[in-house]
């Protein structure tokens, strides 16, 4: 059995990613919401806009949680090329995509310019989410294990996963 044939299934870095996206990322989202809800200064900053912004934060967090669990489930259960494409898209949606929507909506609901939100620490989070999505996108594009696990119909070559 060739070494490439042994690199199949959810193991190694792929298994680590499933743990990150299925357990650690949802845990981070929940902790961030607990911190947000427990900070008495936040409602004061947003004033009358706080109920709408709070609802927005809950909706975005629920969306992120659902997408994280969907991606983890898909990676574990659906070994087909479409899974890789969905996960890569999901990485960019739950990270930079959600943050962009969040900043734009908060800016629209308040008098806070988006630039101020970015300067207040949001910029670091945007960069972190872009780096996370970039690193894992590269992994999914280059990994032999991913190519072997999420292959075309039997008899097709593993390299076709990325066509």
N, C-alpha and C. Protein backbone atom coordinates (compact mmCIF):
# COMPACT_ATOMS: atom_id res chain seq x y z
N UNK A 1 0.85 -1.18 0.00
CA UNK A 1 0.00 0.00 0.00
C UNK A 1 0.89 1.24 0.00
N UNK A 2 0.65 2.15 -0.92
CA UNK A 2 1.50 3.35 -1.02
C UNK A 2 1.22 4.30 0.15
N UNK A 3 2.19 5.16 0.39
CA UNK A 3 2.06 6.14 1.48
C UNK A 3 0.86 7.05 1.25
N UNK A 4 0.60 7.47 -0.01
CA UNK A 4 -0.54 8.33 -0.30
C UNK A 4 -1.86 7.63 0.01
N UNK A 5 -1.92 6.34 -0.24
CA UNK A 5 -3.15 5.60 0.04
C UNK A 5 -3.42 5.51 1.54
N UNK A 6 -2.34 5.56 2.35
CA UNK A 6 -2.51 5.52 3.79
C UNK A 6 -3.07 6.85 4.31
N UNK A 7 -2.85 7.92 3.57
CA UNK A 7 -3.36 9.23 3.97
C UNK A 7 -4.80 9.38 3.50
N UNK A 8 -5.68 8.71 4.19
CA UNK A 8 -7.09 8.78 3.86
C UNK A 8 -7.89 8.74 5.16
N UNK A 9 -9.02 9.40 5.15
CA UNK A 9 -9.86 9.42 6.34
C UNK A 9 -9.60 10.67 7.16
N UNK A 10 -10.41 10.85 8.16
CA UNK A 10 -10.31 12.03 9.01
C UNK A 10 -9.30 11.73 10.11
N UNK A 11 -8.07 12.15 9.87
CA UNK A 11 -6.99 11.95 10.82
C UNK A 11 -6.00 13.10 10.68
N UNK A 12 -4.97 13.10 11.50
CA UNK A 12 -3.93 14.11 11.41
C UNK A 12 -4.47 15.53 11.55
N UNK A 13 -3.97 16.41 10.66
CA UNK A 13 -4.38 17.82 10.69
C UNK A 13 -5.85 17.99 10.35
N UNK A 14 -6.38 17.10 9.54
CA UNK A 14 -7.81 17.16 9.21
C UNK A 14 -8.66 16.91 10.46
N UNK A 15 -8.27 15.94 11.26
CA UNK A 15 -8.99 15.68 12.51
C UNK A 15 -8.85 16.87 13.46
N UNK A 16 -7.65 17.45 13.51
CA UNK A 16 -7.44 18.64 14.34
C UNK A 16 -8.38 19.76 13.90
N UNK A 17 -8.51 19.96 12.58
CA UNK A 17 -9.41 21.00 12.09
C UNK A 17 -10.86 20.72 12.50
N UNK A 18 -11.27 19.46 12.42
CA UNK A 18 -12.65 19.11 12.82
C UNK A 18 -12.87 19.45 14.29
N UNK A 19 -11.88 19.19 15.14
CA UNK A 19 -11.99 19.54 16.56
C UNK A 19 -12.05 21.06 16.72
N UNK A 20 -11.21 21.78 15.97
CA UNK A 20 -11.21 23.24 16.06
C UNK A 20 -12.55 23.81 15.63
N UNK A 21 -13.06 23.34 14.49
CA UNK A 21 -14.28 23.94 13.94
C UNK A 21 -15.54 23.38 14.62
N UNK A 22 -15.47 22.19 15.15
CA UNK A 22 -16.65 21.58 15.76
C UNK A 22 -16.75 21.76 17.27
N UNK A 23 -15.62 22.08 17.94
CA UNK A 23 -15.63 22.21 19.39
C UNK A 23 -15.04 23.54 19.85
N UNK A 24 -13.80 23.81 19.45
CA UNK A 24 -13.11 25.00 19.97
C UNK A 24 -13.71 26.31 19.45
N UNK A 25 -14.02 26.38 18.17
CA UNK A 25 -14.62 27.61 17.64
C UNK A 25 -16.00 27.88 18.25
N UNK A 26 -16.88 26.88 18.34
CA UNK A 26 -18.16 27.13 19.01
C UNK A 26 -17.98 27.54 20.48
N UNK A 27 -17.01 26.94 21.15
CA UNK A 27 -16.74 27.31 22.54
C UNK A 27 -16.30 28.78 22.63
N UNK A 28 -15.44 29.21 21.71
CA UNK A 28 -15.00 30.60 21.66
C UNK A 28 -16.19 31.54 21.43
N UNK A 29 -17.08 31.17 20.52
CA UNK A 29 -18.26 31.99 20.22
C UNK A 29 -19.14 32.13 21.46
N UNK A 30 -19.37 31.03 22.15
CA UNK A 30 -20.20 31.06 23.36
C UNK A 30 -19.54 31.92 24.44
N UNK A 31 -18.25 31.75 24.64
CA UNK A 31 -17.54 32.54 25.65
C UNK A 31 -17.59 34.03 25.31
N UNK A 32 -17.42 34.37 24.04
CA UNK A 32 -17.51 35.77 23.63
C UNK A 32 -18.90 36.34 23.92
N UNK A 33 -19.93 35.55 23.71
CA UNK A 33 -21.29 36.03 24.00
C UNK A 33 -21.51 36.19 25.51
N UNK A 34 -20.96 35.29 26.30
CA UNK A 34 -21.07 35.40 27.76
C UNK A 34 -20.37 36.67 28.23
N UNK A 35 -19.20 36.93 27.69
CA UNK A 35 -18.46 38.15 28.06
C UNK A 35 -19.24 39.38 27.64
N UNK A 36 -19.78 39.37 26.42
CA UNK A 36 -20.54 40.51 25.92
C UNK A 36 -21.76 40.78 26.80
N UNK A 37 -22.46 39.73 27.17
CA UNK A 37 -23.67 39.88 27.99
C UNK A 37 -23.35 40.29 29.42
N UNK A 38 -22.17 39.93 29.90
CA UNK A 38 -21.81 40.23 31.27
C UNK A 38 -21.14 41.57 31.48
N UNK A 39 -20.81 42.26 30.40
CA UNK A 39 -20.12 43.55 30.51
C UNK A 39 -21.15 44.67 30.65
N UNK A 40 -21.23 45.32 31.82
CA UNK A 40 -22.24 46.36 32.02
C UNK A 40 -21.96 47.64 31.23
N UNK A 41 -20.74 47.79 30.71
CA UNK A 41 -20.39 48.99 29.95
C UNK A 41 -20.94 48.96 28.52
N UNK A 42 -21.09 47.78 27.96
CA UNK A 42 -21.51 47.66 26.55
C UNK A 42 -22.87 48.32 26.29
N UNK A 43 -23.90 48.03 27.08
CA UNK A 43 -25.19 48.69 26.82
C UNK A 43 -25.08 50.22 26.92
N UNK A 44 -24.21 50.70 27.79
CA UNK A 44 -24.04 52.14 27.94
C UNK A 44 -23.41 52.76 26.69
N UNK A 45 -22.47 52.05 26.09
CA UNK A 45 -21.79 52.54 24.88
C UNK A 45 -22.79 52.68 23.74
N UNK A 46 -23.67 51.69 23.59
CA UNK A 46 -24.59 51.68 22.47
C UNK A 46 -25.92 52.38 22.76
N UNK A 47 -26.21 52.62 24.01
CA UNK A 47 -27.41 53.36 24.37
C UNK A 47 -28.69 52.71 23.87
N UNK A 48 -29.54 53.52 23.23
CA UNK A 48 -30.84 53.03 22.76
C UNK A 48 -30.71 51.97 21.66
N UNK A 49 -29.55 51.91 21.01
CA UNK A 49 -29.33 50.93 19.94
C UNK A 49 -28.99 49.55 20.49
N UNK A 50 -28.71 49.46 21.80
CA UNK A 50 -28.25 48.19 22.36
C UNK A 50 -29.21 47.02 22.12
N UNK A 51 -30.52 47.15 22.30
CA UNK A 51 -31.37 45.98 22.06
C UNK A 51 -31.24 45.43 20.62
N UNK A 52 -31.17 46.32 19.65
CA UNK A 52 -31.03 45.84 18.25
C UNK A 52 -29.65 45.23 18.04
N UNK A 53 -28.63 45.85 18.58
CA UNK A 53 -27.27 45.31 18.41
C UNK A 53 -27.12 43.99 19.15
N UNK A 54 -27.72 43.90 20.32
CA UNK A 54 -27.68 42.65 21.06
C UNK A 54 -28.37 41.54 20.27
N UNK A 55 -29.51 41.84 19.68
CA UNK A 55 -30.19 40.87 18.82
C UNK A 55 -29.34 40.46 17.63
N UNK A 56 -28.67 41.45 17.04
CA UNK A 56 -27.75 41.18 15.92
C UNK A 56 -26.64 40.24 16.36
N UNK A 57 -26.04 40.51 17.52
CA UNK A 57 -24.96 39.66 18.02
C UNK A 57 -25.44 38.24 18.27
N UNK A 58 -26.63 38.08 18.84
CA UNK A 58 -27.17 36.75 19.07
C UNK A 58 -27.42 36.02 17.74
N UNK A 59 -27.97 36.73 16.76
CA UNK A 59 -28.25 36.12 15.46
C UNK A 59 -26.96 35.70 14.76
N UNK A 60 -25.97 36.57 14.75
CA UNK A 60 -24.70 36.24 14.10
C UNK A 60 -24.00 35.09 14.82
N UNK A 61 -24.06 35.07 16.13
CA UNK A 61 -23.45 33.97 16.88
C UNK A 61 -24.15 32.65 16.59
N UNK A 62 -25.47 32.67 16.55
CA UNK A 62 -26.23 31.45 16.23
C UNK A 62 -25.89 30.96 14.83
N UNK A 63 -25.78 31.89 13.89
CA UNK A 63 -25.41 31.53 12.51
C UNK A 63 -24.02 30.91 12.48
N UNK A 64 -23.07 31.51 13.18
CA UNK A 64 -21.71 30.98 13.21
C UNK A 64 -21.68 29.58 13.84
N UNK A 65 -22.41 29.41 14.95
CA UNK A 65 -22.46 28.10 15.59
C UNK A 65 -23.03 27.04 14.65
N UNK A 66 -24.13 27.37 14.01
CA UNK A 66 -24.75 26.42 13.08
C UNK A 66 -23.79 26.07 11.94
N UNK A 67 -23.11 27.05 11.40
CA UNK A 67 -22.18 26.80 10.29
C UNK A 67 -20.98 25.97 10.76
N UNK A 68 -20.47 26.24 11.95
CA UNK A 68 -19.36 25.43 12.49
C UNK A 68 -19.77 23.97 12.62
N UNK A 69 -20.94 23.74 13.23
CA UNK A 69 -21.40 22.36 13.41
C UNK A 69 -21.69 21.68 12.07
N UNK A 70 -22.25 22.44 11.13
CA UNK A 70 -22.51 21.88 9.80
C UNK A 70 -21.21 21.47 9.12
N UNK A 71 -20.19 22.33 9.18
CA UNK A 71 -18.92 22.01 8.53
C UNK A 71 -18.28 20.78 9.16
N UNK A 72 -18.29 20.69 10.49
CA UNK A 72 -17.71 19.53 11.17
C UNK A 72 -18.46 18.26 10.79
N UNK A 73 -19.78 18.33 10.80
CA UNK A 73 -20.59 17.16 10.41
C UNK A 73 -20.29 16.75 8.98
N UNK A 74 -20.26 17.73 8.09
CA UNK A 74 -20.03 17.46 6.68
C UNK A 74 -18.68 16.78 6.46
N UNK A 75 -17.64 17.29 7.15
CA UNK A 75 -16.31 16.69 7.00
C UNK A 75 -16.28 15.25 7.50
N UNK A 76 -17.04 14.97 8.54
CA UNK A 76 -17.05 13.61 9.09
C UNK A 76 -17.91 12.64 8.29
N UNK A 77 -19.00 13.13 7.70
CA UNK A 77 -19.98 12.22 7.10
C UNK A 77 -20.05 12.21 5.58
N UNK A 78 -19.68 13.30 4.93
CA UNK A 78 -19.87 13.41 3.48
C UNK A 78 -18.51 13.51 2.78
N UNK A 79 -17.97 12.39 2.40
CA UNK A 79 -16.65 12.34 1.78
C UNK A 79 -16.77 12.50 0.27
N UNK A 80 -17.02 13.73 -0.14
CA UNK A 80 -17.15 14.06 -1.56
C UNK A 80 -16.53 15.43 -1.80
N UNK A 81 -16.15 15.73 -3.04
CA UNK A 81 -15.47 17.00 -3.34
C UNK A 81 -16.25 18.24 -2.92
N UNK A 82 -17.56 18.21 -2.99
CA UNK A 82 -18.37 19.37 -2.63
C UNK A 82 -18.15 19.76 -1.16
N UNK A 83 -17.84 18.80 -0.32
CA UNK A 83 -17.58 19.08 1.09
C UNK A 83 -16.41 20.05 1.24
N UNK A 84 -15.35 19.82 0.51
CA UNK A 84 -14.17 20.69 0.59
C UNK A 84 -14.54 22.11 0.16
N UNK A 85 -15.28 22.23 -0.92
CA UNK A 85 -15.69 23.56 -1.39
C UNK A 85 -16.57 24.28 -0.36
N UNK A 86 -17.49 23.54 0.23
CA UNK A 86 -18.38 24.12 1.25
C UNK A 86 -17.60 24.56 2.49
N UNK A 87 -16.65 23.76 2.91
CA UNK A 87 -15.86 24.10 4.09
C UNK A 87 -15.01 25.34 3.83
N UNK A 88 -14.37 25.41 2.68
CA UNK A 88 -13.57 26.60 2.35
C UNK A 88 -14.46 27.85 2.33
N UNK A 89 -15.60 27.75 1.69
CA UNK A 89 -16.53 28.89 1.69
C UNK A 89 -16.97 29.23 3.11
N UNK A 90 -17.26 28.22 3.91
CA UNK A 90 -17.68 28.42 5.29
C UNK A 90 -16.62 29.12 6.12
N UNK A 91 -15.35 28.79 5.89
CA UNK A 91 -14.26 29.46 6.61
C UNK A 91 -14.29 30.97 6.38
N UNK A 92 -14.50 31.36 5.14
CA UNK A 92 -14.50 32.79 4.80
C UNK A 92 -15.79 33.47 5.24
N UNK A 93 -16.87 32.70 5.34
CA UNK A 93 -18.14 33.28 5.80
C UNK A 93 -18.13 33.49 7.31
N UNK A 94 -17.74 32.46 8.09
CA UNK A 94 -17.82 32.58 9.55
C UNK A 94 -16.77 33.52 10.12
N UNK A 95 -15.72 33.77 9.38
CA UNK A 95 -14.67 34.67 9.86
C UNK A 95 -14.84 36.07 9.32
N UNK A 96 -14.12 36.40 8.26
CA UNK A 96 -14.18 37.76 7.72
C UNK A 96 -15.58 38.18 7.26
N UNK A 97 -16.35 37.26 6.73
CA UNK A 97 -17.68 37.61 6.23
C UNK A 97 -18.61 38.09 7.33
N UNK A 98 -18.70 37.33 8.41
CA UNK A 98 -19.57 37.71 9.53
C UNK A 98 -19.08 39.00 10.17
N UNK A 99 -17.76 39.15 10.29
CA UNK A 99 -17.23 40.38 10.90
C UNK A 99 -17.56 41.60 10.05
N UNK A 100 -17.47 41.47 8.75
CA UNK A 100 -17.80 42.59 7.86
C UNK A 100 -19.28 42.96 8.02
N UNK A 101 -20.14 41.97 8.01
CA UNK A 101 -21.58 42.22 8.20
C UNK A 101 -21.83 42.87 9.56
N UNK A 102 -21.18 42.35 10.59
CA UNK A 102 -21.34 42.89 11.94
C UNK A 102 -20.94 44.36 12.00
N UNK A 103 -19.76 44.69 11.48
CA UNK A 103 -19.29 46.08 11.53
C UNK A 103 -20.18 47.01 10.71
N UNK A 104 -20.60 46.54 9.54
CA UNK A 104 -21.46 47.38 8.72
C UNK A 104 -22.82 47.63 9.37
N UNK A 105 -23.40 46.58 9.96
CA UNK A 105 -24.70 46.75 10.60
C UNK A 105 -24.61 47.58 11.88
N UNK A 106 -23.56 47.39 12.67
CA UNK A 106 -23.40 48.22 13.86
C UNK A 106 -23.20 49.67 13.45
N UNK A 107 -22.41 49.89 12.41
CA UNK A 107 -22.23 51.25 11.90
C UNK A 107 -23.53 51.86 11.43
N UNK A 108 -24.39 51.04 10.80
CA UNK A 108 -25.67 51.55 10.30
C UNK A 108 -26.66 51.80 11.44
N UNK A 109 -26.57 51.02 12.51
CA UNK A 109 -27.52 51.16 13.62
C UNK A 109 -27.10 52.21 14.64
N UNK A 110 -25.86 52.63 14.59
CA UNK A 110 -25.36 53.61 15.56
C UNK A 110 -24.68 54.75 14.82
N UNK A 111 -24.16 55.67 15.59
CA UNK A 111 -23.40 56.77 15.01
C UNK A 111 -21.91 56.45 14.96
N UNK A 112 -21.54 55.21 15.30
CA UNK A 112 -20.13 54.84 15.31
C UNK A 112 -19.65 54.54 13.90
N UNK A 113 -18.61 55.22 13.43
CA UNK A 113 -18.05 54.89 12.12
C UNK A 113 -17.37 53.52 12.16
N UNK A 114 -17.42 52.82 11.05
CA UNK A 114 -16.82 51.49 10.95
C UNK A 114 -15.33 51.57 11.27
N UNK A 115 -14.68 52.65 10.87
CA UNK A 115 -13.26 52.83 11.16
C UNK A 115 -12.96 52.83 12.65
N UNK A 116 -13.84 53.42 13.44
CA UNK A 116 -13.66 53.42 14.90
C UNK A 116 -13.82 52.02 15.47
N UNK A 117 -14.75 51.27 14.93
CA UNK A 117 -14.94 49.90 15.40
C UNK A 117 -13.70 49.06 15.11
N UNK A 118 -13.13 49.26 13.94
CA UNK A 118 -11.91 48.54 13.58
C UNK A 118 -10.75 48.97 14.47
N UNK A 119 -10.64 50.27 14.72
CA UNK A 119 -9.55 50.79 15.54
C UNK A 119 -9.67 50.35 17.00
N UNK A 120 -10.88 50.07 17.45
CA UNK A 120 -11.10 49.67 18.84
C UNK A 120 -10.83 48.18 19.07
N UNK A 121 -10.08 47.56 18.22
CA UNK A 121 -9.74 46.15 18.41
C UNK A 121 -10.33 45.25 17.35
N UNK A 122 -11.29 45.75 16.60
CA UNK A 122 -11.91 44.93 15.56
C UNK A 122 -10.96 44.62 14.42
N UNK A 123 -10.02 45.52 14.16
CA UNK A 123 -9.05 45.31 13.08
C UNK A 123 -8.18 44.09 13.33
N UNK A 124 -7.77 43.91 14.58
CA UNK A 124 -6.96 42.75 14.94
C UNK A 124 -7.76 41.47 14.72
N UNK A 125 -9.03 41.50 15.09
CA UNK A 125 -9.88 40.32 14.91
C UNK A 125 -10.10 40.01 13.43
N UNK A 126 -10.24 41.05 12.61
CA UNK A 126 -10.39 40.84 11.17
C UNK A 126 -9.15 40.17 10.61
N UNK A 127 -7.98 40.68 10.98
CA UNK A 127 -6.72 40.09 10.50
C UNK A 127 -6.59 38.65 10.97
N UNK A 128 -6.92 38.39 12.23
CA UNK A 128 -6.86 37.03 12.77
C UNK A 128 -7.76 36.09 11.98
N UNK A 129 -8.97 36.55 11.67
CA UNK A 129 -9.90 35.68 10.94
C UNK A 129 -9.45 35.44 9.50
N UNK A 130 -8.83 36.45 8.89
CA UNK A 130 -8.31 36.28 7.53
C UNK A 130 -7.14 35.30 7.52
N UNK A 131 -6.24 35.41 8.50
CA UNK A 131 -5.11 34.48 8.59
C UNK A 131 -5.62 33.05 8.81
N UNK A 132 -6.58 32.89 9.72
CA UNK A 132 -7.16 31.57 10.00
C UNK A 132 -7.75 30.96 8.73
N UNK A 133 -8.57 31.75 8.03
CA UNK A 133 -9.21 31.25 6.80
C UNK A 133 -8.17 30.96 5.72
N UNK A 134 -7.15 31.78 5.61
CA UNK A 134 -6.12 31.59 4.59
C UNK A 134 -5.32 30.31 4.85
N UNK A 135 -4.89 30.12 6.09
CA UNK A 135 -4.09 28.94 6.43
C UNK A 135 -4.88 27.66 6.18
N UNK A 136 -6.13 27.62 6.63
CA UNK A 136 -6.91 26.41 6.46
C UNK A 136 -7.36 26.21 5.02
N UNK A 137 -7.58 27.28 4.28
CA UNK A 137 -7.89 27.14 2.85
C UNK A 137 -6.70 26.49 2.14
N UNK A 138 -5.49 26.97 2.44
CA UNK A 138 -4.28 26.38 1.85
C UNK A 138 -4.18 24.90 2.22
N UNK A 139 -4.45 24.57 3.47
CA UNK A 139 -4.42 23.18 3.89
C UNK A 139 -5.39 22.33 3.06
N UNK A 140 -6.63 22.78 2.93
CA UNK A 140 -7.62 22.01 2.19
C UNK A 140 -7.28 21.91 0.71
N UNK A 141 -6.60 22.88 0.18
CA UNK A 141 -6.20 22.85 -1.24
C UNK A 141 -5.00 21.96 -1.50
N UNK A 142 -4.09 21.82 -0.53
CA UNK A 142 -2.83 21.13 -0.77
C UNK A 142 -2.70 19.77 -0.09
N UNK A 143 -3.55 19.45 0.85
CA UNK A 143 -3.41 18.23 1.62
C UNK A 143 -3.72 16.97 0.81
N UNK A 144 -2.80 16.02 0.86
CA UNK A 144 -3.03 14.74 0.19
C UNK A 144 -4.13 13.96 0.91
N UNK A 145 -4.18 14.07 2.24
CA UNK A 145 -5.23 13.38 2.99
C UNK A 145 -6.61 13.89 2.58
N UNK A 146 -6.73 15.21 2.45
CA UNK A 146 -8.01 15.79 2.03
C UNK A 146 -8.36 15.31 0.63
N UNK A 147 -7.37 15.35 -0.27
CA UNK A 147 -7.62 14.91 -1.65
C UNK A 147 -8.03 13.45 -1.71
N UNK A 148 -7.41 12.62 -0.87
CA UNK A 148 -7.74 11.19 -0.88
C UNK A 148 -9.07 10.90 -0.18
N UNK A 149 -9.43 11.69 0.80
CA UNK A 149 -10.64 11.43 1.57
C UNK A 149 -11.89 11.95 0.86
N UNK A 150 -11.77 13.12 0.26
CA UNK A 150 -12.93 13.75 -0.38
C UNK A 150 -12.76 13.67 -1.90
N UNK A 151 -12.75 12.44 -2.38
CA UNK A 151 -12.46 12.16 -3.79
C UNK A 151 -13.73 12.07 -4.63
N UNK A 152 -13.49 12.05 -5.94
CA UNK A 152 -14.60 11.86 -6.89
C UNK A 152 -15.08 10.42 -6.77
N UNK A 153 -16.06 10.07 -7.58
CA UNK A 153 -16.59 8.71 -7.59
C UNK A 153 -15.45 7.72 -7.79
N UNK A 154 -15.67 6.48 -7.38
CA UNK A 154 -14.62 5.47 -7.45
C UNK A 154 -14.00 5.43 -8.83
N UNK A 155 -12.68 5.31 -8.85
CA UNK A 155 -11.96 5.26 -10.11
C UNK A 155 -11.44 6.61 -10.56
N UNK A 156 -11.95 7.68 -10.03
CA UNK A 156 -11.47 9.02 -10.38
C UNK A 156 -10.20 9.32 -9.58
N UNK A 157 -9.38 10.20 -10.11
CA UNK A 157 -8.14 10.55 -9.44
C UNK A 157 -8.41 11.55 -8.31
N UNK A 158 -7.65 11.45 -7.25
CA UNK A 158 -7.82 12.33 -6.08
C UNK A 158 -7.58 13.79 -6.44
N UNK A 159 -6.72 14.06 -7.41
CA UNK A 159 -6.41 15.45 -7.77
C UNK A 159 -7.63 16.17 -8.32
N UNK A 160 -8.64 15.44 -8.77
CA UNK A 160 -9.84 16.05 -9.32
C UNK A 160 -10.68 16.75 -8.25
N UNK A 161 -10.37 16.54 -6.98
CA UNK A 161 -11.10 17.18 -5.90
C UNK A 161 -11.08 18.69 -6.07
N UNK A 162 -10.00 19.21 -6.60
CA UNK A 162 -9.82 20.66 -6.65
C UNK A 162 -10.08 21.26 -8.02
N UNK A 163 -10.71 20.51 -8.90
CA UNK A 163 -11.01 21.06 -10.22
C UNK A 163 -12.33 21.76 -10.25
